[in-house]
């Protein structure tokens, strides 16, 4: 029996990213917030290289479009849903925060849908690789959320309020019409180093403790 979809090594990192985020959601629901944040960072690391892996194989047009859709749908779970579940786990349980969660996830969804449309249009016009992004890429939360979580160690007011404000600010940045140059090799190395520094801080206990 044949399954629908395209199955090859080009989507492995996307699948691993999704697996990590689903496990992160489970961890957050069990109250293991730090573990959920680690999972978010793993998803971000996988997403950083999934495009490079995909380009190593010659794919037909349908496979390319499938890859774009699969990546975006995975990103919605990893960087849209998981951060809100982390928020709930750290105390955003008031009914008001449902509105915050909706705004954040809707902004991530809108940004991803817009990216898909623009990327498909761009690829139909030129074979060149994308050089810049419009709006804050949703994958950036893989570094921003851990940073907020670390800074929570040093704030005296209720941390879930800070986290909620952070989600709203990020949501706004997702939709803001500004351009960001796509990271090159040097920038990617810097981002990895920042991620490692965040992990070290968290392992050393420099993070929010509920």
N, C-alpha and C. Protein backbone atom coordinates (compact mmCIF):
# COMPACT_ATOMS: atom_id res chain seq x y z
N UNK A 1 0.85 -1.20 0.00
CA UNK A 1 0.00 0.00 0.00
C UNK A 1 0.89 1.25 0.00
N UNK A 2 0.67 2.14 -0.93
CA UNK A 2 1.47 3.34 -1.07
C UNK A 2 0.91 4.47 -0.23
N UNK A 3 1.79 5.17 0.44
CA UNK A 3 1.39 6.32 1.26
C UNK A 3 1.52 7.61 0.45
N UNK A 4 0.67 8.58 0.75
CA UNK A 4 0.78 9.86 0.07
C UNK A 4 1.96 10.65 0.65
N UNK A 5 2.49 11.57 -0.13
CA UNK A 5 3.62 12.36 0.32
C UNK A 5 4.89 11.96 -0.38
N UNK A 6 5.98 12.68 -0.08
CA UNK A 6 7.29 12.41 -0.66
C UNK A 6 8.24 12.08 0.49
N UNK A 7 8.83 10.90 0.42
CA UNK A 7 9.66 10.42 1.52
C UNK A 7 11.09 10.20 1.03
N UNK A 8 11.99 11.04 1.47
CA UNK A 8 13.41 10.87 1.18
C UNK A 8 14.21 11.63 2.24
N UNK A 9 15.51 11.55 2.16
CA UNK A 9 16.36 12.12 3.22
C UNK A 9 16.28 13.64 3.32
N UNK A 10 15.73 14.31 2.30
CA UNK A 10 15.70 15.77 2.31
C UNK A 10 14.77 16.34 3.39
N UNK A 11 13.87 15.51 3.92
CA UNK A 11 12.93 16.01 4.94
C UNK A 11 13.26 15.48 6.33
N UNK A 12 14.39 14.81 6.48
CA UNK A 12 14.74 14.21 7.76
C UNK A 12 14.85 15.25 8.86
N UNK A 13 15.56 16.35 8.58
CA UNK A 13 15.75 17.37 9.62
C UNK A 13 14.43 18.06 9.97
N UNK A 14 13.56 18.23 8.98
CA UNK A 14 12.23 18.80 9.26
C UNK A 14 11.45 17.87 10.18
N UNK A 15 11.53 16.58 9.91
CA UNK A 15 10.85 15.59 10.76
C UNK A 15 11.43 15.59 12.17
N UNK A 16 12.75 15.66 12.28
CA UNK A 16 13.39 15.68 13.60
C UNK A 16 13.02 16.94 14.37
N UNK A 17 12.90 18.06 13.66
CA UNK A 17 12.49 19.30 14.28
C UNK A 17 11.09 19.18 14.87
N UNK A 18 10.19 18.56 14.11
CA UNK A 18 8.83 18.37 14.58
C UNK A 18 8.79 17.41 15.77
N UNK A 19 9.54 16.32 15.69
CA UNK A 19 9.59 15.36 16.80
C UNK A 19 10.07 16.05 18.08
N UNK A 20 11.10 16.87 17.95
CA UNK A 20 11.63 17.59 19.11
C UNK A 20 10.59 18.51 19.72
N UNK A 21 9.84 19.22 18.87
CA UNK A 21 8.84 20.16 19.38
C UNK A 21 7.67 19.45 20.04
N UNK A 22 7.25 18.32 19.47
CA UNK A 22 6.16 17.56 20.08
C UNK A 22 6.60 17.05 21.46
N UNK A 23 7.84 16.57 21.54
CA UNK A 23 8.37 16.14 22.84
C UNK A 23 8.47 17.33 23.79
N UNK A 24 8.81 18.52 23.24
CA UNK A 24 8.87 19.73 24.06
C UNK A 24 7.51 20.09 24.62
N UNK A 25 6.45 19.94 23.81
CA UNK A 25 5.09 20.19 24.28
C UNK A 25 4.75 19.23 25.43
N UNK A 26 5.12 17.97 25.25
CA UNK A 26 4.90 16.98 26.31
C UNK A 26 5.64 17.37 27.58
N UNK A 27 6.90 17.79 27.44
CA UNK A 27 7.71 18.18 28.60
C UNK A 27 7.08 19.37 29.32
N UNK A 28 6.62 20.37 28.55
CA UNK A 28 6.02 21.55 29.15
C UNK A 28 4.74 21.19 29.91
N UNK A 29 3.94 20.31 29.32
CA UNK A 29 2.70 19.90 29.97
C UNK A 29 2.96 19.10 31.24
N UNK A 30 4.14 18.51 31.34
CA UNK A 30 4.52 17.77 32.53
C UNK A 30 5.23 18.66 33.55
N UNK A 31 5.38 19.95 33.19
CA UNK A 31 6.01 20.89 34.11
C UNK A 31 7.51 21.01 33.99
N UNK A 32 8.10 20.35 33.01
CA UNK A 32 9.55 20.41 32.80
C UNK A 32 9.85 21.51 31.78
N UNK A 33 9.78 22.75 32.23
CA UNK A 33 9.89 23.89 31.31
C UNK A 33 11.27 23.96 30.66
N UNK A 34 12.31 23.77 31.46
CA UNK A 34 13.67 23.84 30.91
C UNK A 34 13.84 22.82 29.78
N UNK A 35 13.32 21.61 29.98
CA UNK A 35 13.40 20.59 28.94
C UNK A 35 12.68 21.02 27.68
N UNK A 36 11.54 21.69 27.84
CA UNK A 36 10.79 22.17 26.69
C UNK A 36 11.57 23.24 25.93
N UNK A 37 12.27 24.10 26.67
CA UNK A 37 13.08 25.15 26.03
C UNK A 37 14.25 24.52 25.27
N UNK A 38 14.85 23.49 25.84
CA UNK A 38 15.91 22.77 25.13
C UNK A 38 15.38 22.20 23.82
N UNK A 39 14.19 21.62 23.87
CA UNK A 39 13.59 21.04 22.67
C UNK A 39 13.34 22.12 21.61
N UNK A 40 12.93 23.29 22.04
CA UNK A 40 12.73 24.42 21.12
C UNK A 40 14.03 24.76 20.41
N UNK A 41 15.12 24.73 21.16
CA UNK A 41 16.43 25.06 20.58
C UNK A 41 16.89 23.97 19.61
N UNK A 42 16.60 22.71 19.93
CA UNK A 42 16.94 21.61 19.02
C UNK A 42 16.18 21.77 17.71
N UNK A 43 14.91 22.14 17.80
CA UNK A 43 14.11 22.36 16.59
C UNK A 43 14.70 23.48 15.75
N UNK A 44 15.16 24.53 16.42
CA UNK A 44 15.78 25.65 15.71
C UNK A 44 17.05 25.23 15.01
N UNK A 45 17.84 24.39 15.67
CA UNK A 45 19.09 23.90 15.07
C UNK A 45 18.80 23.06 13.83
N UNK A 46 17.82 22.18 13.93
CA UNK A 46 17.44 21.35 12.78
C UNK A 46 16.96 22.21 11.62
N UNK A 47 16.16 23.23 11.93
CA UNK A 47 15.61 24.09 10.89
C UNK A 47 16.71 24.89 10.18
N UNK A 48 17.78 25.18 10.91
CA UNK A 48 18.87 25.97 10.32
C UNK A 48 19.52 25.25 9.14
N UNK A 49 19.48 23.92 9.18
CA UNK A 49 20.21 23.16 8.15
C UNK A 49 19.31 22.34 7.22
N UNK A 50 18.00 22.35 7.46
CA UNK A 50 17.14 21.52 6.62
C UNK A 50 17.14 21.94 5.16
N UNK A 51 17.23 23.25 4.92
CA UNK A 51 17.26 23.74 3.54
C UNK A 51 18.53 23.30 2.82
N UNK A 52 19.65 23.33 3.54
CA UNK A 52 20.92 22.92 2.95
C UNK A 52 20.89 21.44 2.57
N UNK A 53 20.28 20.62 3.43
CA UNK A 53 20.16 19.20 3.14
C UNK A 53 19.26 18.99 1.92
N UNK A 54 18.16 19.72 1.86
CA UNK A 54 17.20 19.57 0.76
C UNK A 54 17.84 19.90 -0.59
N UNK A 55 18.75 20.87 -0.59
CA UNK A 55 19.37 21.30 -1.85
C UNK A 55 20.43 20.32 -2.36
N UNK A 56 20.76 19.30 -1.58
CA UNK A 56 21.75 18.33 -2.04
C UNK A 56 21.14 17.30 -3.00
N UNK A 57 19.83 17.30 -3.11
CA UNK A 57 19.15 16.35 -3.99
C UNK A 57 18.36 17.10 -5.05
N UNK A 58 18.45 16.64 -6.28
CA UNK A 58 17.66 17.23 -7.35
C UNK A 58 16.22 16.76 -7.21
N UNK A 59 15.31 17.72 -7.01
CA UNK A 59 13.91 17.39 -6.78
C UNK A 59 13.03 17.95 -7.88
N UNK A 60 11.92 17.26 -8.13
CA UNK A 60 10.96 17.77 -9.10
C UNK A 60 10.20 18.93 -8.47
N UNK A 61 9.43 19.63 -9.28
CA UNK A 61 8.70 20.80 -8.79
C UNK A 61 7.74 20.44 -7.65
N UNK A 62 7.07 19.30 -7.78
CA UNK A 62 6.13 18.88 -6.75
C UNK A 62 6.85 18.61 -5.43
N UNK A 63 8.02 18.00 -5.50
CA UNK A 63 8.81 17.71 -4.29
C UNK A 63 9.26 19.00 -3.63
N UNK A 64 9.65 19.99 -4.44
CA UNK A 64 10.08 21.27 -3.89
C UNK A 64 8.93 21.97 -3.17
N UNK A 65 7.75 21.98 -3.79
CA UNK A 65 6.59 22.61 -3.18
C UNK A 65 6.17 21.87 -1.91
N UNK A 66 6.25 20.55 -1.96
CA UNK A 66 5.93 19.74 -0.79
C UNK A 66 6.87 20.08 0.36
N UNK A 67 8.16 20.23 0.03
CA UNK A 67 9.15 20.57 1.04
C UNK A 67 8.87 21.90 1.71
N UNK A 68 8.46 22.89 0.91
CA UNK A 68 8.14 24.22 1.44
C UNK A 68 6.96 24.14 2.40
N UNK A 69 5.91 23.43 1.97
CA UNK A 69 4.72 23.31 2.82
C UNK A 69 5.01 22.53 4.09
N UNK A 70 5.75 21.44 3.96
CA UNK A 70 6.07 20.61 5.13
C UNK A 70 6.89 21.40 6.14
N UNK A 71 7.85 22.17 5.64
CA UNK A 71 8.71 22.96 6.53
C UNK A 71 7.89 24.00 7.28
N UNK A 72 6.99 24.68 6.59
CA UNK A 72 6.18 25.72 7.23
C UNK A 72 5.20 25.14 8.24
N UNK A 73 4.57 24.02 7.90
CA UNK A 73 3.63 23.39 8.82
C UNK A 73 4.36 22.91 10.08
N UNK A 74 5.56 22.39 9.89
CA UNK A 74 6.37 21.98 11.03
C UNK A 74 6.76 23.19 11.88
N UNK A 75 7.13 24.29 11.21
CA UNK A 75 7.52 25.51 11.92
C UNK A 75 6.37 26.05 12.77
N UNK A 76 5.15 25.89 12.29
CA UNK A 76 4.00 26.39 13.06
C UNK A 76 3.90 25.68 14.40
N UNK A 77 4.16 24.37 14.39
CA UNK A 77 4.12 23.61 15.65
C UNK A 77 5.33 23.96 16.51
N UNK A 78 6.52 23.95 15.89
CA UNK A 78 7.77 24.16 16.63
C UNK A 78 7.88 25.56 17.23
N UNK A 79 7.60 26.58 16.42
CA UNK A 79 7.87 27.95 16.83
C UNK A 79 6.61 28.78 17.02
N UNK A 80 5.46 28.17 16.75
CA UNK A 80 4.19 28.83 16.99
C UNK A 80 3.48 28.26 18.20
N UNK A 81 3.26 26.95 18.21
CA UNK A 81 2.51 26.31 19.29
C UNK A 81 3.36 26.08 20.54
N UNK A 82 4.55 25.51 20.37
CA UNK A 82 5.40 25.18 21.52
C UNK A 82 5.65 26.37 22.45
N UNK A 83 6.00 27.56 21.94
CA UNK A 83 6.21 28.69 22.85
C UNK A 83 4.98 29.04 23.70
N UNK A 84 3.78 28.85 23.16
CA UNK A 84 2.57 29.15 23.94
C UNK A 84 2.36 28.10 25.03
N UNK A 85 2.68 26.85 24.74
CA UNK A 85 2.56 25.81 25.75
C UNK A 85 3.57 26.04 26.87
N UNK A 86 4.76 26.50 26.50
CA UNK A 86 5.75 26.87 27.51
C UNK A 86 5.20 28.00 28.38
N UNK A 87 4.55 28.96 27.73
CA UNK A 87 3.94 30.07 28.47
C UNK A 87 2.92 29.59 29.48
N UNK A 88 2.08 28.66 29.07
CA UNK A 88 1.08 28.11 29.99
C UNK A 88 1.76 27.40 31.15
N UNK A 89 2.85 26.69 30.86
CA UNK A 89 3.55 25.93 31.89
C UNK A 89 4.20 26.83 32.94
N UNK A 90 4.55 28.06 32.55
CA UNK A 90 5.21 28.95 33.51
C UNK A 90 4.22 29.86 34.23
N UNK A 91 2.93 29.69 33.97
CA UNK A 91 1.95 30.44 34.74
C UNK A 91 0.97 31.28 33.98
N UNK A 92 0.99 31.23 32.65
CA UNK A 92 0.03 32.02 31.87
C UNK A 92 -1.29 31.25 31.77
N UNK A 93 -1.93 31.09 32.90
CA UNK A 93 -3.16 30.28 32.97
C UNK A 93 -4.44 31.12 33.05
N UNK A 94 -4.29 32.42 33.23
CA UNK A 94 -5.45 33.30 33.26
C UNK A 94 -6.14 33.31 31.90
N UNK A 95 -7.47 33.44 31.90
CA UNK A 95 -8.23 33.44 30.64
C UNK A 95 -7.74 34.51 29.68
N UNK A 96 -7.22 35.61 30.20
CA UNK A 96 -6.74 36.68 29.34
C UNK A 96 -5.62 36.19 28.43
N UNK A 97 -4.81 35.26 28.92
CA UNK A 97 -3.66 34.80 28.16
C UNK A 97 -4.06 33.95 26.95
N UNK A 98 -5.28 33.46 26.94
CA UNK A 98 -5.76 32.75 25.75
C UNK A 98 -5.72 33.70 24.56
N UNK A 99 -6.06 34.96 24.80
CA UNK A 99 -6.02 35.99 23.75
C UNK A 99 -4.58 36.21 23.30
N UNK A 100 -3.64 36.25 24.24
CA UNK A 100 -2.23 36.43 23.90
C UNK A 100 -1.75 35.25 23.05
N UNK A 101 -2.12 34.03 23.46
CA UNK A 101 -1.73 32.84 22.70
C UNK A 101 -2.29 32.89 21.28
N UNK A 102 -3.55 33.32 21.16
CA UNK A 102 -4.17 33.40 19.84
C UNK A 102 -3.43 34.40 18.95
N UNK A 103 -3.14 35.57 19.49
CA UNK A 103 -2.44 36.60 18.72
C UNK A 103 -1.09 36.07 18.25
N UNK A 104 -0.36 35.42 19.15
CA UNK A 104 0.98 34.93 18.81
C UNK A 104 0.91 33.86 17.72
N UNK A 105 0.07 32.84 17.92
CA UNK A 105 -0.02 31.74 16.95
C UNK A 105 -0.55 32.24 15.62
N UNK A 106 -1.54 33.15 15.65
CA UNK A 106 -2.10 33.69 14.41
C UNK A 106 -1.06 34.50 13.64
N UNK A 107 -0.24 35.24 14.36
CA UNK A 107 0.82 36.02 13.71
C UNK A 107 1.84 35.09 13.07
N UNK A 108 2.20 34.01 13.77
CA UNK A 108 3.14 33.05 13.21
C UNK A 108 2.55 32.38 11.98
N UNK A 109 1.28 32.01 12.05
CA UNK A 109 0.60 31.37 10.93
C UNK A 109 0.54 32.30 9.73
N UNK A 110 0.19 33.55 9.95
CA UNK A 110 0.10 34.54 8.88
C UNK A 110 1.45 34.75 8.22
N UNK A 111 2.49 34.87 9.04
CA UNK A 111 3.82 35.09 8.51
C UNK A 111 4.29 33.90 7.66
N UNK A 112 4.02 32.69 8.13
CA UNK A 112 4.42 31.50 7.39
C UNK A 112 3.65 31.36 6.07
N UNK A 113 2.35 31.65 6.12
CA UNK A 113 1.53 31.58 4.90
C UNK A 113 2.01 32.61 3.88
N UNK A 114 2.31 33.81 4.35
CA UNK A 114 2.79 34.87 3.46
C UNK A 114 4.13 34.47 2.85
N UNK A 115 5.00 33.89 3.67
CA UNK A 115 6.30 33.45 3.18
C UNK A 115 6.14 32.40 2.08
N UNK A 116 5.23 31.46 2.28
CA UNK A 116 5.01 30.41 1.29
C UNK A 116 4.59 31.00 -0.06
N UNK A 117 3.66 31.95 -0.01
CA UNK A 117 3.17 32.58 -1.24
C UNK A 117 4.30 33.33 -1.94
N UNK A 118 5.04 34.13 -1.17
CA UNK A 118 6.13 34.91 -1.75
C UNK A 118 7.25 34.02 -2.26
N UNK A 119 7.55 32.93 -1.53
CA UNK A 119 8.63 32.04 -1.94
C UNK A 119 8.27 31.30 -3.23
N UNK A 120 7.03 30.85 -3.35
CA UNK A 120 6.61 30.16 -4.57
C UNK A 120 6.66 31.11 -5.76
N UNK A 121 6.23 32.35 -5.54
CA UNK A 121 6.28 33.35 -6.61
C UNK A 121 7.72 33.65 -6.99
N UNK A 122 8.59 33.77 -6.00
CA UNK A 122 9.99 34.07 -6.27
C UNK A 122 10.66 32.95 -7.05
N UNK A 123 10.39 31.70 -6.66
CA UNK A 123 11.01 30.56 -7.33
C UNK A 123 10.52 30.40 -8.76
N UNK A 124 9.33 30.91 -9.05
CA UNK A 124 8.82 30.85 -10.42
C UNK A 124 9.49 31.88 -11.32
N UNK A 125 10.15 32.86 -10.70
CA UNK A 125 10.78 33.94 -11.46
C UNK A 125 12.29 33.82 -11.55
N UNK A 126 12.92 33.18 -10.54
CA UNK A 126 14.37 33.09 -10.53
C UNK A 126 14.83 31.85 -9.77
N UNK A 127 15.91 31.23 -10.22
CA UNK A 127 16.45 30.06 -9.53
C UNK A 127 17.40 30.44 -8.38
N UNK A 128 17.66 31.73 -8.25
CA UNK A 128 18.59 32.20 -7.22
C UNK A 128 18.03 31.96 -5.82
N UNK A 129 18.94 31.79 -4.87
CA UNK A 129 18.53 31.57 -3.49
C UNK A 129 18.07 32.89 -2.87
N UNK A 130 17.18 32.78 -1.91
CA UNK A 130 16.65 33.96 -1.23
C UNK A 130 17.79 34.67 -0.49
N UNK A 131 17.81 36.01 -0.58
CA UNK A 131 18.86 36.79 0.05
C UNK A 131 18.39 37.54 1.30
N UNK A 132 17.06 37.68 1.47
CA UNK A 132 16.56 38.41 2.63
C UNK A 132 15.16 37.93 3.00
N UNK A 133 14.79 38.22 4.22
CA UNK A 133 13.46 37.89 4.73
C UNK A 133 12.67 39.18 4.95
N UNK A 134 11.35 39.06 4.88
CA UNK A 134 10.46 40.18 5.22
C UNK A 134 9.80 39.83 6.54
N UNK A 135 10.00 40.68 7.55
CA UNK A 135 9.49 40.39 8.88
C UNK A 135 10.43 39.46 9.63
N UNK A 136 10.21 39.32 10.92
CA UNK A 136 11.05 38.46 11.74
C UNK A 136 10.74 36.99 11.45
N UNK A 137 11.73 36.20 11.04
CA UNK A 137 11.48 34.77 10.78
C UNK A 137 11.01 34.07 12.06
N UNK A 138 10.03 33.20 11.94
CA UNK A 138 9.50 32.53 13.14
C UNK A 138 10.55 31.67 13.82
N UNK A 139 11.51 31.19 13.06
CA UNK A 139 12.54 30.33 13.65
C UNK A 139 13.45 31.07 14.63
N UNK A 140 13.43 32.40 14.56
CA UNK A 140 14.27 33.19 15.47
C UNK A 140 13.88 33.00 16.93
N UNK A 141 12.67 32.53 17.20
CA UNK A 141 12.25 32.33 18.59
C UNK A 141 13.05 31.22 19.26
N UNK A 142 13.74 30.39 18.46
CA UNK A 142 14.57 29.34 19.02
C UNK A 142 15.73 29.92 19.82
N UNK A 143 16.07 31.18 19.56
CA UNK A 143 17.08 31.89 20.35
C UNK A 143 16.47 32.94 21.27
N UNK A 144 15.36 33.55 20.84
CA UNK A 144 14.75 34.63 21.63
C UNK A 144 14.08 34.09 22.89
N UNK A 145 13.29 33.00 22.76
CA UNK A 145 12.59 32.44 23.92
C UNK A 145 13.57 31.97 25.00
N UNK A 146 14.64 31.24 24.65
CA UNK A 146 15.61 30.87 25.68
C UNK A 146 16.23 32.08 26.38
N UNK A 147 16.48 33.15 25.60
CA UNK A 147 17.04 34.36 26.19
C UNK A 147 16.08 34.96 27.22
N UNK A 148 14.80 35.02 26.86
CA UNK A 148 13.79 35.52 27.80
C UNK A 148 13.74 34.64 29.05
N UNK A 149 13.83 33.34 28.83
CA UNK A 149 13.79 32.37 29.93
C UNK A 149 14.98 32.56 30.87
N UNK A 150 16.14 32.84 30.29
CA UNK A 150 17.35 33.09 31.10
C UNK A 150 17.21 34.39 31.88
N UNK A 151 16.74 35.45 31.21
CA UNK A 151 16.59 36.74 31.87
C UNK A 151 15.56 36.68 33.00
N UNK A 152 14.65 35.70 32.93
CA UNK A 152 13.66 35.53 33.99
C UNK A 152 14.29 35.26 35.34
N UNK A 153 15.52 34.81 35.32
CA UNK A 153 16.25 34.54 36.57
C UNK A 153 16.54 35.82 37.33
N UNK A 154 16.53 36.95 36.63
CA UNK A 154 16.99 38.20 37.22
C UNK A 154 15.88 39.23 37.39
N UNK A 155 14.63 38.87 37.10
CA UNK A 155 13.53 39.81 37.27
C UNK A 155 12.78 39.50 38.55
N UNK A 156 12.27 40.54 39.18
CA UNK A 156 11.59 40.38 40.45
C UNK A 156 10.07 40.32 40.29
N UNK A 157 9.55 40.85 39.19
CA UNK A 157 8.10 40.81 38.99
C UNK A 157 7.71 39.43 38.44
N UNK A 158 6.42 39.17 38.40
CA UNK A 158 5.95 37.86 37.94
C UNK A 158 6.42 37.59 36.51
N UNK A 159 7.16 36.50 36.36
CA UNK A 159 7.81 36.22 35.09
C UNK A 159 6.83 35.95 33.95
N UNK A 160 5.68 35.33 34.26
CA UNK A 160 4.75 35.01 33.18
C UNK A 160 4.23 36.27 32.50
N UNK A 161 4.22 37.40 33.22
CA UNK A 161 3.81 38.66 32.59
C UNK A 161 4.87 39.13 31.60
N UNK A 162 6.14 39.00 31.99
CA UNK A 162 7.24 39.35 31.09
C UNK A 162 7.19 38.47 29.84
N UNK A 163 6.95 37.20 30.04
CA UNK A 163 6.89 36.25 28.93
C UNK A 163 5.74 36.60 28.00
N UNK A 164 4.60 36.95 28.56
CA UNK A 164 3.45 37.33 27.75
C UNK A 164 3.71 38.56 26.91
N UNK A 165 4.36 39.56 27.50
CA UNK A 165 4.73 40.77 26.76
C UNK A 165 5.70 40.40 25.64
N UNK A 166 6.62 39.48 25.94
CA UNK A 166 7.58 39.03 24.94
C UNK A 166 6.89 38.37 23.76
N UNK A 167 5.89 37.54 24.02
CA UNK A 167 5.15 36.88 22.94
C UNK A 167 4.44 37.90 22.06
N UNK A 168 3.85 38.91 22.67
CA UNK A 168 3.15 39.94 21.88
C UNK A 168 4.12 40.73 21.03
N UNK A 169 5.29 41.06 21.60
CA UNK A 169 6.30 41.80 20.85
C UNK A 169 6.81 40.98 19.67
N UNK A 170 7.04 39.70 19.90
CA UNK A 170 7.50 38.82 18.83
C UNK A 170 6.44 38.70 17.74
N UNK A 171 5.18 38.56 18.15
CA UNK A 171 4.08 38.46 17.19
C UNK A 171 4.03 39.69 16.29
N UNK A 172 4.21 40.86 16.89
CA UNK A 172 4.22 42.10 16.11
C UNK A 172 5.37 42.10 15.12
N UNK A 173 6.54 41.63 15.57
CA UNK A 173 7.73 41.59 14.70
C UNK A 173 7.55 40.61 13.55
N UNK A 174 6.78 39.53 13.77
CA UNK A 174 6.50 38.58 12.69
C UNK A 174 5.83 39.27 11.50
N UNK A 175 4.95 40.23 11.80
CA UNK A 175 4.12 40.85 10.77
C UNK A 175 4.63 42.20 10.30
N UNK A 176 5.62 42.73 10.98
CA UNK A 176 6.14 44.05 10.62
C UNK A 176 6.86 43.98 9.28
N UNK A 177 6.60 44.95 8.43
CA UNK A 177 7.17 44.96 7.08
C UNK A 177 8.56 45.58 7.08
N UNK A 178 9.53 44.80 7.47
CA UNK A 178 10.92 45.23 7.38
C UNK A 178 11.74 44.06 6.85
N UNK A 179 12.92 44.34 6.34
CA UNK A 179 13.72 43.30 5.70
C UNK A 179 14.95 42.95 6.52
N UNK A 180 15.22 41.65 6.59
CA UNK A 180 16.39 41.13 7.29
C UNK A 180 17.21 40.32 6.31
N UNK A 181 18.50 40.61 6.25
CA UNK A 181 19.37 39.86 5.36
C UNK A 181 19.47 38.42 5.84
N UNK A 182 19.36 37.48 4.91
CA UNK A 182 19.45 36.07 5.26
C UNK A 182 20.84 35.77 5.80
N UNK A 183 20.92 35.08 6.94
CA UNK A 183 22.23 34.82 7.56
C UNK A 183 23.19 34.07 6.63
N UNK A 184 24.43 34.56 6.57
CA UNK A 184 25.46 33.85 5.84
C UNK A 184 26.15 32.86 6.76
N UNK A 185 27.25 32.30 6.31
CA UNK A 185 27.96 31.31 7.11
C UNK A 185 28.47 31.90 8.42
N UNK A 186 29.04 33.09 8.36
CA UNK A 186 29.58 33.72 9.56
C UNK A 186 28.48 33.99 10.58
N UNK A 187 27.35 34.52 10.10
CA UNK A 187 26.22 34.81 10.99
C UNK A 187 25.65 33.53 11.58
N UNK A 188 25.60 32.48 10.77
CA UNK A 188 25.09 31.20 11.26
C UNK A 188 25.97 30.66 12.38
N UNK A 189 27.29 30.83 12.24
CA UNK A 189 28.22 30.39 13.29
C UNK A 189 27.97 31.18 14.57
N UNK A 190 27.77 32.48 14.43
CA UNK A 190 27.49 33.33 15.59
C UNK A 190 26.21 32.89 16.29
N UNK A 191 25.20 32.58 15.50
CA UNK A 191 23.92 32.14 16.06
C UNK A 191 24.07 30.82 16.82
N UNK A 192 24.88 29.92 16.26
CA UNK A 192 25.14 28.65 16.94
C UNK A 192 25.86 28.89 18.26
N UNK A 193 26.82 29.80 18.25
CA UNK A 193 27.57 30.12 19.47
C UNK A 193 26.66 30.74 20.52
N UNK A 194 25.73 31.59 20.08
CA UNK A 194 24.76 32.17 21.01
C UNK A 194 23.90 31.07 21.63
N UNK A 195 23.47 30.13 20.79
CA UNK A 195 22.67 29.01 21.28
C UNK A 195 23.44 28.18 22.30
N UNK A 196 24.72 27.93 22.01
CA UNK A 196 25.55 27.16 22.95
C UNK A 196 25.69 27.91 24.27
N UNK A 197 25.89 29.24 24.18
CA UNK A 197 26.01 30.06 25.39
C UNK A 197 24.73 30.00 26.21
N UNK A 198 23.58 30.01 25.53
CA UNK A 198 22.30 29.92 26.24
C UNK A 198 22.14 28.56 26.93
N UNK A 199 22.56 27.52 26.26
CA UNK A 199 22.48 26.18 26.85
C UNK A 199 23.36 26.09 28.09
N UNK A 200 24.58 26.64 27.99
CA UNK A 200 25.50 26.63 29.13
C UNK A 200 24.90 27.38 30.32
N UNK A 201 24.30 28.54 30.03
CA UNK A 201 23.67 29.33 31.10
C UNK A 201 22.56 28.54 31.78
N UNK A 202 21.76 27.87 30.98
CA UNK A 202 20.65 27.10 31.53
C UNK A 202 21.14 25.90 32.33
N UNK A 203 22.18 25.23 31.82
CA UNK A 203 22.75 24.09 32.54
C UNK A 203 23.36 24.51 33.87
N UNK A 204 23.84 25.75 33.91
CA UNK A 204 24.45 26.27 35.14
C UNK A 204 23.40 26.85 36.10
N UNK A 205 22.13 26.80 35.70
CA UNK A 205 21.05 27.25 36.58
C UNK A 205 20.67 28.71 36.42
N UNK A 206 21.24 29.37 35.40
CA UNK A 206 20.89 30.77 35.18
C UNK A 206 19.64 30.86 34.28
N UNK A 207 18.50 30.58 34.86
CA UNK A 207 17.24 30.67 34.14
C UNK A 207 16.11 30.81 35.14
N UNK A 208 14.94 31.09 34.63
CA UNK A 208 13.76 31.25 35.49
C UNK A 208 13.46 29.96 36.23
N UNK A 209 13.19 30.10 37.51
CA UNK A 209 12.81 28.95 38.33
C UNK A 209 11.46 29.26 38.96
N UNK A 210 10.42 28.53 38.54
CA UNK A 210 9.07 28.83 39.02
C UNK A 210 8.85 28.36 40.45
